[in-house]
Amino acid sequence: KLQDLENDPSLYGRSYKKCLGSQIQPCVGADGHVYV
C-alpha cells in the first residue's frame, strides 16, 4: 500500500477499471449479508 501511495499519489495505484478480485473473495457479515 505504501508503494502505491508513493508511486501514484493521485490514483493510489488504482489503474484497474473493474473490481474483479472481489468476485473470488467476498465477505459474509455477522448480520447475515453477503458483501462485495
PDB file of all heavy atoms in Angstrom:
ATOM      1  N   LYS A   1       0.821  -1.205   0.000  1.00  0.00           N
ATOM      2  CA  LYS A   1       0.000   0.000   0.000  1.00  0.00           C
ATOM      3  C   LYS A   1       0.853   1.253   0.000  1.00  0.00           C
ATOM      4  O   LYS A   1       0.538   2.238  -0.677  1.00  0.00           O
ATOM      5  CB  LYS A   1      -0.933  -0.019   1.215  1.00  0.00           C
ATOM      6  CG  LYS A   1      -1.960  -1.123   1.171  1.00  0.00           C
ATOM      7  CD  LYS A   1      -2.891  -1.090   2.367  1.00  0.00           C
ATOM      8  CE  LYS A   1      -3.966  -2.157   2.255  1.00  0.00           C
ATOM      9  NZ  LYS A   1      -4.903  -2.122   3.393  1.00  0.00           N
ATOM     10  N   LEU A   2       1.929   1.230   0.752  1.00  0.00           N
ATOM     11  CA  LEU A   2       2.771   2.411   0.815  1.00  0.00           C
ATOM     12  C   LEU A   2       3.448   2.675  -0.526  1.00  0.00           C
ATOM     13  O   LEU A   2       3.626   3.818  -0.938  1.00  0.00           O
ATOM     14  CB  LEU A   2       3.825   2.257   1.911  1.00  0.00           C
ATOM     15  CG  LEU A   2       4.405   3.580   2.380  1.00  0.00           C
ATOM     16  CD1 LEU A   2       3.420   4.314   3.269  1.00  0.00           C
ATOM     17  CD2 LEU A   2       5.713   3.387   3.092  1.00  0.00           C
ATOM     18  N   GLN A   3       3.828   1.611  -1.210  1.00  0.00           N
ATOM     19  CA  GLN A   3       4.440   1.772  -2.533  1.00  0.00           C
ATOM     20  C   GLN A   3       3.482   2.472  -3.482  1.00  0.00           C
ATOM     21  O   GLN A   3       3.879   3.339  -4.263  1.00  0.00           O
ATOM     22  CB  GLN A   3       4.842   0.401  -3.084  1.00  0.00           C
ATOM     23  CG  GLN A   3       5.975  -0.266  -2.317  1.00  0.00           C
ATOM     24  CD  GLN A   3       6.136  -1.723  -2.696  1.00  0.00           C
ATOM     25  OE1 GLN A   3       5.582  -2.203  -3.680  1.00  0.00           O
ATOM     26  NE2 GLN A   3       6.899  -2.455  -1.889  1.00  0.00           N
ATOM     27  N   ASP A   4       2.207   2.101  -3.427  1.00  0.00           N
ATOM     28  CA  ASP A   4       1.226   2.743  -4.306  1.00  0.00           C
ATOM     29  C   ASP A   4       1.001   4.197  -3.926  1.00  0.00           C
ATOM     30  O   ASP A   4       0.768   5.050  -4.785  1.00  0.00           O
ATOM     31  CB  ASP A   4      -0.099   1.976  -4.279  1.00  0.00           C
ATOM     32  CG  ASP A   4      -0.067   0.749  -5.163  1.00  0.00           C
ATOM     33  OD1 ASP A   4       0.720   0.744  -6.130  1.00  0.00           O
ATOM     34  OD2 ASP A   4      -0.812  -0.203  -4.898  1.00  0.00           O
ATOM     35  N   LEU A   5       1.047   4.499  -2.635  1.00  0.00           N
ATOM     36  CA  LEU A   5       0.923   5.890  -2.206  1.00  0.00           C
ATOM     37  C   LEU A   5       2.051   6.729  -2.786  1.00  0.00           C
ATOM     38  O   LEU A   5       1.852   7.841  -3.268  1.00  0.00           O
ATOM     39  CB  LEU A   5       0.959   5.985  -0.681  1.00  0.00           C
ATOM     40  CG  LEU A   5      -0.315   5.681   0.090  1.00  0.00           C
ATOM     41  CD1 LEU A   5      -0.059   5.839   1.579  1.00  0.00           C
ATOM     42  CD2 LEU A   5      -1.460   6.577  -0.331  1.00  0.00           C
ATOM     43  N   GLU A   6       3.252   6.174  -2.723  1.00  0.00           N
ATOM     44  CA  GLU A   6       4.428   6.935  -3.143  1.00  0.00           C
ATOM     45  C   GLU A   6       4.518   7.049  -4.659  1.00  0.00           C
ATOM     46  O   GLU A   6       4.863   8.106  -5.194  1.00  0.00           O
ATOM     47  CB  GLU A   6       5.694   6.277  -2.591  1.00  0.00           C
ATOM     48  CG  GLU A   6       6.939   7.120  -2.744  1.00  0.00           C
ATOM     49  CD  GLU A   6       8.041   6.704  -1.800  1.00  0.00           C
ATOM     50  OE1 GLU A   6       7.957   5.609  -1.219  1.00  0.00           O
ATOM     51  OE2 GLU A   6       8.998   7.490  -1.643  1.00  0.00           O
ATOM     52  N   ASN A   7       4.193   5.970  -5.349  1.00  0.00           N
ATOM     53  CA  ASN A   7       4.349   5.953  -6.801  1.00  0.00           C
ATOM     54  C   ASN A   7       3.184   6.598  -7.547  1.00  0.00           C
ATOM     55  O   ASN A   7       3.329   7.046  -8.678  1.00  0.00           O
ATOM     56  CB  ASN A   7       4.509   4.509  -7.292  1.00  0.00           C
ATOM     57  CG  ASN A   7       5.763   3.855  -6.748  1.00  0.00           C
ATOM     58  OD1 ASN A   7       6.733   4.533  -6.431  1.00  0.00           O
ATOM     59  ND2 ASN A   7       5.752   2.535  -6.632  1.00  0.00           N
ATOM     60  N   ASP A   8       2.017   6.642  -6.925  1.00  0.00           N
ATOM     61  CA  ASP A   8       0.826   7.144  -7.609  1.00  0.00           C
ATOM     62  C   ASP A   8      -0.083   7.862  -6.615  1.00  0.00           C
ATOM     63  O   ASP A   8      -1.155   7.367  -6.259  1.00  0.00           O
ATOM     64  CB  ASP A   8       0.082   5.967  -8.261  1.00  0.00           C
ATOM     65  CG  ASP A   8      -1.051   6.421  -9.174  1.00  0.00           C
ATOM     66  OD1 ASP A   8      -1.202   7.650  -9.376  1.00  0.00           O
ATOM     67  OD2 ASP A   8      -1.794   5.556  -9.668  1.00  0.00           O
ATOM     68  N   PRO A   9       0.320   9.043  -6.123  1.00  0.00           N
ATOM     69  CA  PRO A   9      -0.430   9.713  -5.059  1.00  0.00           C
ATOM     70  C   PRO A   9      -1.819  10.197  -5.462  1.00  0.00           C
ATOM     71  O   PRO A   9      -2.632  10.503  -4.597  1.00  0.00           O
ATOM     72  CB  PRO A   9       0.464  10.896  -4.690  1.00  0.00           C
ATOM     73  CG  PRO A   9       1.317  11.127  -5.890  1.00  0.00           C
ATOM     74  CD  PRO A   9       1.540   9.777  -6.496  1.00  0.00           C
ATOM     75  N   SER A  10      -2.109  10.264  -6.750  1.00  0.00           N
ATOM     76  CA  SER A  10      -3.432  10.741  -7.164  1.00  0.00           C
ATOM     77  C   SER A  10      -4.444   9.608  -7.287  1.00  0.00           C
ATOM     78  O   SER A  10      -5.597   9.743  -6.886  1.00  0.00           O
ATOM     79  CB  SER A  10      -3.338  11.491  -8.492  1.00  0.00           C
ATOM     80  OG  SER A  10      -2.822  10.655  -9.510  1.00  0.00           O
ATOM     81  N   LEU A  11      -4.012   8.448  -7.828  1.00  0.00           N
ATOM     82  CA  LEU A  11      -4.918   7.318  -8.031  1.00  0.00           C
ATOM     83  C   LEU A  11      -4.636   6.160  -7.082  1.00  0.00           C
ATOM     84  O   LEU A  11      -5.327   5.157  -7.102  1.00  0.00           O
ATOM     85  CB  LEU A  11      -4.835   6.818  -9.480  1.00  0.00           C
ATOM     86  CG  LEU A  11      -5.349   7.770 -10.557  1.00  0.00           C
ATOM     87  CD1 LEU A  11      -5.119   7.171 -11.939  1.00  0.00           C
ATOM     88  CD2 LEU A  11      -6.833   8.074 -10.355  1.00  0.00           C
ATOM     89  N   TYR A  12      -3.596   6.270  -6.257  1.00  0.00           N
ATOM     90  CA  TYR A  12      -3.236   5.216  -5.300  1.00  0.00           C
ATOM     91  C   TYR A  12      -2.979   3.873  -5.994  1.00  0.00           C
ATOM     92  O   TYR A  12      -3.262   2.811  -5.449  1.00  0.00           O
ATOM     93  CB  TYR A  12      -4.342   5.025  -4.263  1.00  0.00           C
ATOM     94  CG  TYR A  12      -4.760   6.271  -3.525  1.00  0.00           C
ATOM     95  CD1 TYR A  12      -5.761   7.088  -4.030  1.00  0.00           C
ATOM     96  CD2 TYR A  12      -4.151   6.647  -2.334  1.00  0.00           C
ATOM     97  CE1 TYR A  12      -6.155   8.238  -3.357  1.00  0.00           C
ATOM     98  CE2 TYR A  12      -4.535   7.786  -1.655  1.00  0.00           C
ATOM     99  CZ  TYR A  12      -5.536   8.575  -2.172  1.00  0.00           C
ATOM    100  OH  TYR A  12      -5.927   9.712  -1.496  1.00  0.00           O
ATOM    101  N   GLY A  13      -2.460   3.925  -7.217  1.00  0.00           N
ATOM    102  CA  GLY A  13      -2.173   2.692  -7.929  1.00  0.00           C
ATOM    103  C   GLY A  13      -3.390   1.999  -8.501  1.00  0.00           C
ATOM    104  O   GLY A  13      -3.301   0.874  -8.974  1.00  0.00           O
ATOM    105  N   ARG A  14      -4.545   2.663  -8.467  1.00  0.00           N
ATOM    106  CA  ARG A  14      -5.773   2.030  -8.955  1.00  0.00           C
ATOM    107  C   ARG A  14      -5.881   2.234 -10.461  1.00  0.00           C
ATOM    108  O   ARG A  14      -6.652   3.053 -10.958  1.00  0.00           O
ATOM    109  CB  ARG A  14      -6.982   2.612  -8.227  1.00  0.00           C
ATOM    110  CG  ARG A  14      -8.274   1.892  -8.525  1.00  0.00           C
ATOM    111  CD  ARG A  14      -9.393   2.364  -7.603  1.00  0.00           C
ATOM    112  NE  ARG A  14      -9.454   1.570  -6.381  1.00  0.00           N
ATOM    113  CZ  ARG A  14      -9.959   1.989  -5.227  1.00  0.00           C
ATOM    114  NH1 ARG A  14     -10.428   3.208  -5.119  1.00  0.00           N
ATOM    115  NH2 ARG A  14      -9.981   1.197  -4.180  1.00  0.00           N
ATOM    116  N   SER A  15      -5.117   1.463 -11.201  1.00  0.00           N
ATOM    117  CA  SER A  15      -5.118   1.548 -12.657  1.00  0.00           C
ATOM    118  C   SER A  15      -6.199   0.673 -13.273  1.00  0.00           C
ATOM    119  O   SER A  15      -6.521   0.810 -14.455  1.00  0.00           O
ATOM    120  CB  SER A  15      -3.754   1.125 -13.202  1.00  0.00           C
ATOM    121  OG  SER A  15      -3.432  -0.181 -12.751  1.00  0.00           O
ATOM    122  N   TYR A  16      -6.766  -0.225 -12.491  1.00  0.00           N
ATOM    123  CA  TYR A  16      -7.803  -1.127 -12.996  1.00  0.00           C
ATOM    124  C   TYR A  16      -9.155  -0.401 -13.055  1.00  0.00           C
ATOM    125  O   TYR A  16      -9.394   0.575 -12.341  1.00  0.00           O
ATOM    126  CB  TYR A  16      -7.904  -2.370 -12.110  1.00  0.00           C
ATOM    127  CG  TYR A  16      -7.932  -2.073 -10.630  1.00  0.00           C
ATOM    128  CD1 TYR A  16      -9.107  -1.775  -9.961  1.00  0.00           C
ATOM    129  CD2 TYR A  16      -6.757  -2.097  -9.880  1.00  0.00           C
ATOM    130  CE1 TYR A  16      -9.135  -1.504  -8.603  1.00  0.00           C
ATOM    131  CE2 TYR A  16      -6.758  -1.819  -8.516  1.00  0.00           C
ATOM    132  CZ  TYR A  16      -7.945  -1.529  -7.885  1.00  0.00           C
ATOM    133  OH  TYR A  16      -7.963  -1.252  -6.542  1.00  0.00           O
ATOM    134  N   LYS A  17     -10.034  -0.898 -13.911  1.00  0.00           N
ATOM    135  CA  LYS A  17     -11.353  -0.286 -14.118  1.00  0.00           C
ATOM    136  C   LYS A  17     -12.496  -1.144 -13.590  1.00  0.00           C
ATOM    137  O   LYS A  17     -13.651  -0.735 -13.624  1.00  0.00           O
ATOM    138  CB  LYS A  17     -11.579  -0.034 -15.616  1.00  0.00           C
ATOM    139  CG  LYS A  17     -10.476   0.764 -16.292  1.00  0.00           C
ATOM    140  CD  LYS A  17     -10.316   2.146 -15.683  1.00  0.00           C
ATOM    141  CE  LYS A  17      -9.225   2.933 -16.412  1.00  0.00           C
ATOM    142  NZ  LYS A  17      -8.944   4.232 -15.739  1.00  0.00           N
ATOM    143  N   LYS A  18     -12.177  -2.326 -13.109  1.00  0.00           N
ATOM    144  CA  LYS A  18     -13.184  -3.223 -12.560  1.00  0.00           C
ATOM    145  C   LYS A  18     -12.662  -3.860 -11.273  1.00  0.00           C
ATOM    146  O   LYS A  18     -11.473  -4.163 -11.175  1.00  0.00           O
ATOM    147  CB  LYS A  18     -13.535  -4.351 -13.556  1.00  0.00           C
ATOM    148  CG  LYS A  18     -14.287  -3.907 -14.799  1.00  0.00           C
ATOM    149  CD  LYS A  18     -14.531  -5.100 -15.715  1.00  0.00           C
ATOM    150  CE  LYS A  18     -15.344  -4.722 -16.941  1.00  0.00           C
ATOM    151  NZ  LYS A  18     -16.738  -4.420 -16.596  1.00  0.00           N
ATOM    152  N   CYS A  19     -13.559  -4.048 -10.317  1.00  0.00           N
ATOM    153  CA  CYS A  19     -13.201  -4.738  -9.079  1.00  0.00           C
ATOM    154  C   CYS A  19     -13.424  -6.233  -9.292  1.00  0.00           C
ATOM    155  O   CYS A  19     -14.427  -6.801  -8.867  1.00  0.00           O
ATOM    156  CB  CYS A  19     -14.043  -4.220  -7.911  1.00  0.00           C
ATOM    157  SG  CYS A  19     -13.583  -4.976  -6.333  1.00  0.00           S
ATOM    158  N   LEU A  20     -12.474  -6.862  -9.947  1.00  0.00           N
ATOM    159  CA  LEU A  20     -12.603  -8.269 -10.303  1.00  0.00           C
ATOM    160  C   LEU A  20     -12.178  -9.190  -9.168  1.00  0.00           C
ATOM    161  O   LEU A  20     -12.673 -10.308  -9.039  1.00  0.00           O
ATOM    162  CB  LEU A  20     -11.770  -8.562 -11.559  1.00  0.00           C
ATOM    163  CG  LEU A  20     -12.220  -7.822 -12.825  1.00  0.00           C
ATOM    164  CD1 LEU A  20     -11.147  -7.898 -13.903  1.00  0.00           C
ATOM    165  CD2 LEU A  20     -13.534  -8.395 -13.338  1.00  0.00           C
ATOM    166  N   GLY A  21     -11.250  -8.720  -8.335  1.00  0.00           N
ATOM    167  CA  GLY A  21     -10.763  -9.553  -7.240  1.00  0.00           C
ATOM    168  C   GLY A  21     -11.847  -9.925  -6.253  1.00  0.00           C
ATOM    169  O   GLY A  21     -11.838 -11.030  -5.692  1.00  0.00           O
ATOM    170  N   SER A  22     -12.794  -9.015  -6.060  1.00  0.00           N
ATOM    171  CA  SER A  22     -13.860  -9.277  -5.092  1.00  0.00           C
ATOM    172  C   SER A  22     -14.753 -10.437  -5.514  1.00  0.00           C
ATOM    173  O   SER A  22     -15.448 -11.023  -4.684  1.00  0.00           O
ATOM    174  CB  SER A  22     -14.723  -8.024  -4.905  1.00  0.00           C
ATOM    175  OG  SER A  22     -15.392  -7.686  -6.112  1.00  0.00           O
ATOM    176  N   GLN A  23     -14.723 -10.787  -6.806  1.00  0.00           N
ATOM    177  CA  GLN A  23     -15.607 -11.836  -7.306  1.00  0.00           C
ATOM    178  C   GLN A  23     -15.111 -13.241  -7.007  1.00  0.00           C
ATOM    179  O   GLN A  23     -15.796 -14.229  -7.305  1.00  0.00           O
ATOM    180  CB  GLN A  23     -15.840 -11.656  -8.800  1.00  0.00           C
ATOM    181  CG  GLN A  23     -16.570 -10.362  -9.132  1.00  0.00           C
ATOM    182  CD  GLN A  23     -17.861 -10.220  -8.330  1.00  0.00           C
ATOM    183  OE1 GLN A  23     -18.831 -10.920  -8.579  1.00  0.00           O
ATOM    184  NE2 GLN A  23     -17.873  -9.326  -7.344  1.00  0.00           N
ATOM    185  N   ILE A  24     -13.940 -13.339  -6.399  1.00  0.00           N
ATOM    186  CA  ILE A  24     -13.483 -14.648  -5.921  1.00  0.00           C
ATOM    187  C   ILE A  24     -13.113 -14.588  -4.442  1.00  0.00           C
ATOM    188  O   ILE A  24     -12.612 -15.558  -3.887  1.00  0.00           O
ATOM    189  CB  ILE A  24     -12.289 -15.191  -6.741  1.00  0.00           C
ATOM    190  CG1 ILE A  24     -11.130 -14.186  -6.796  1.00  0.00           C
ATOM    191  CG2 ILE A  24     -12.731 -15.574  -8.150  1.00  0.00           C
ATOM    192  CD1 ILE A  24      -9.883 -14.743  -7.470  1.00  0.00           C
ATOM    193  N   GLN A  25     -13.396 -13.435  -3.773  1.00  0.00           N
ATOM    194  CA  GLN A  25     -13.103 -13.327  -2.341  1.00  0.00           C
ATOM    195  C   GLN A  25     -14.109 -12.398  -1.645  1.00  0.00           C
ATOM    196  O   GLN A  25     -13.747 -11.318  -1.178  1.00  0.00           O
ATOM    197  CB  GLN A  25     -11.668 -12.851  -2.109  1.00  0.00           C
ATOM    198  CG  GLN A  25     -11.265 -11.622  -2.900  1.00  0.00           C
ATOM    199  CD  GLN A  25      -9.877 -11.138  -2.532  1.00  0.00           C
ATOM    200  OE1 GLN A  25      -9.410 -11.293  -1.412  1.00  0.00           O
ATOM    201  NE2 GLN A  25      -9.200 -10.533  -3.482  1.00  0.00           N
ATOM    202  N   PRO A  26     -15.370 -12.793  -1.559  1.00  0.00           N
ATOM    203  CA  PRO A  26     -16.391 -11.948  -0.926  1.00  0.00           C
ATOM    204  C   PRO A  26     -16.298 -11.974   0.595  1.00  0.00           C
ATOM    205  O   PRO A  26     -15.452 -12.680   1.170  1.00  0.00           O
ATOM    206  CB  PRO A  26     -17.694 -12.583  -1.400  1.00  0.00           C
ATOM    207  CG  PRO A  26     -17.347 -14.039  -1.517  1.00  0.00           C
ATOM    208  CD  PRO A  26     -15.932 -14.075  -2.023  1.00  0.00           C
ATOM    209  N   CYS A  27     -17.187 -11.232   1.225  1.00  0.00           N
ATOM    210  CA  CYS A  27     -17.251 -11.152   2.685  1.00  0.00           C
ATOM    211  C   CYS A  27     -18.662 -11.480   3.152  1.00  0.00           C
ATOM    212  O   CYS A  27     -19.641 -11.014   2.557  1.00  0.00           O
ATOM    213  CB  CYS A  27     -16.854  -9.745   3.141  1.00  0.00           C
ATOM    214  SG  CYS A  27     -17.183  -9.394   4.890  1.00  0.00           S
ATOM    215  N   VAL A  28     -18.766 -12.259   4.207  1.00  0.00           N
ATOM    216  CA  VAL A  28     -20.056 -12.525   4.835  1.00  0.00           C
ATOM    217  C   VAL A  28     -20.056 -11.860   6.203  1.00  0.00           C
ATOM    218  O   VAL A  28     -19.228 -12.178   7.060  1.00  0.00           O
ATOM    219  CB  VAL A  28     -20.331 -14.028   4.991  1.00  0.00           C
ATOM    220  CG1 VAL A  28     -21.673 -14.254   5.684  1.00  0.00           C
ATOM    221  CG2 VAL A  28     -20.319 -14.720   3.628  1.00  0.00           C
ATOM    222  N   GLY A  29     -20.958 -10.914   6.397  1.00  0.00           N
ATOM    223  CA  GLY A  29     -21.020 -10.190   7.650  1.00  0.00           C
ATOM    224  C   GLY A  29     -21.773 -10.951   8.725  1.00  0.00           C
ATOM    225  O   GLY A  29     -22.577 -11.841   8.437  1.00  0.00           O
ATOM    226  N   ALA A  30     -21.530 -10.580   9.976  1.00  0.00           N
ATOM    227  CA  ALA A  30     -22.253 -11.201  11.088  1.00  0.00           C
ATOM    228  C   ALA A  30     -23.743 -10.897  11.023  1.00  0.00           C
ATOM    229  O   ALA A  30     -24.552 -11.606  11.632  1.00  0.00           O
ATOM    230  CB  ALA A  30     -21.671 -10.723  12.417  1.00  0.00           C
ATOM    231  N   ASP A  31     -24.105  -9.853  10.277  1.00  0.00           N
ATOM    232  CA  ASP A  31     -25.520  -9.521  10.104  1.00  0.00           C
ATOM    233  C   ASP A  31     -26.200 -10.405   9.066  1.00  0.00           C
ATOM    234  O   ASP A  31     -27.385 -10.255   8.785  1.00  0.00           O
ATOM    235  CB  ASP A  31     -25.682  -8.052   9.719  1.00  0.00           C
ATOM    236  CG  ASP A  31     -24.898  -7.662   8.474  1.00  0.00           C
ATOM    237  OD1 ASP A  31     -24.326  -8.569   7.835  1.00  0.00           O
ATOM    238  OD2 ASP A  31     -24.844  -6.456   8.154  1.00  0.00           O
ATOM    239  N   GLY A  32     -25.439 -11.332   8.476  1.00  0.00           N
ATOM    240  CA  GLY A  32     -26.008 -12.272   7.516  1.00  0.00           C
ATOM    241  C   GLY A  32     -25.944 -11.829   6.076  1.00  0.00           C
ATOM    242  O   GLY A  32     -26.293 -12.595   5.171  1.00  0.00           O
ATOM    243  N   HIS A  33     -25.465 -10.618   5.826  1.00  0.00           N
ATOM    244  CA  HIS A  33     -25.369 -10.139   4.451  1.00  0.00           C
ATOM    245  C   HIS A  33     -24.082 -10.635   3.795  1.00  0.00           C
ATOM    246  O   HIS A  33     -23.034 -10.728   4.444  1.00  0.00           O
ATOM    247  CB  HIS A  33     -25.405  -8.615   4.406  1.00  0.00           C
ATOM    248  CG  HIS A  33     -26.788  -8.045   4.537  1.00  0.00           C
ATOM    249  ND1 HIS A  33     -27.591  -7.773   3.457  1.00  0.00           N
ATOM    250  CD2 HIS A  33     -27.513  -7.725   5.632  1.00  0.00           C
ATOM    251  CE1 HIS A  33     -28.754  -7.298   3.877  1.00  0.00           C
ATOM    252  NE2 HIS A  33     -28.733  -7.259   5.190  1.00  0.00           N
ATOM    253  N   VAL A  34     -24.189 -10.938   2.506  1.00  0.00           N
ATOM    254  CA  VAL A  34     -23.018 -11.295   1.704  1.00  0.00           C
ATOM    255  C   VAL A  34     -22.586 -10.040   0.973  1.00  0.00           C
ATOM    256  O   VAL A  34     -23.280  -9.555   0.073  1.00  0.00           O
ATOM    257  CB  VAL A  34     -23.346 -12.429   0.708  1.00  0.00           C
ATOM    258  CG1 VAL A  34     -22.103 -12.777  -0.122  1.00  0.00           C
ATOM    259  CG2 VAL A  34     -23.864 -13.660   1.445  1.00  0.00           C
ATOM    260  N   TYR A  35     -21.456  -9.490   1.370  1.00  0.00           N
ATOM    261  CA  TYR A  35     -20.978  -8.218   0.845  1.00  0.00           C
ATOM    262  C   TYR A  35     -19.914  -8.409  -0.233  1.00  0.00           C
ATOM    263  O   TYR A  35     -19.240  -9.442  -0.281  1.00  0.00           O
ATOM    264  CB  TYR A  35     -20.391  -7.359   1.971  1.00  0.00           C
ATOM    265  CG  TYR A  35     -21.395  -6.892   2.992  1.00  0.00           C
ATOM    266  CD1 TYR A  35     -21.404  -7.418   4.279  1.00  0.00           C
ATOM    267  CD2 TYR A  35     -22.347  -5.929   2.664  1.00  0.00           C
ATOM    268  CE1 TYR A  35     -22.319  -6.993   5.224  1.00  0.00           C
ATOM    269  CE2 TYR A  35     -23.275  -5.499   3.610  1.00  0.00           C
ATOM    270  CZ  TYR A  35     -23.255  -6.029   4.890  1.00  0.00           C
ATOM    271  OH  TYR A  35     -24.169  -5.606   5.817  1.00  0.00           O
ATOM    272  N   VAL A  36     -19.775  -7.369  -1.038  1.00  0.00           N
ATOM    273  CA  VAL A  36     -18.730  -7.359  -2.060  1.00  0.00           C
ATOM    274  C   VAL A  36     -17.376  -7.627  -1.428  1.00  0.00           C
ATOM    275  O   VAL A  36     -16.592  -8.445  -1.909  1.00  0.00           O
ATOM    276  CB  VAL A  36     -18.703  -5.997  -2.789  1.00  0.00           C
ATOM    277  CG1 VAL A  36     -17.503  -5.919  -3.718  1.00  0.00           C
ATOM    278  CG2 VAL A  36     -19.987  -5.781  -3.558  1.00  0.00           C
TER     279      VAL A  36
END
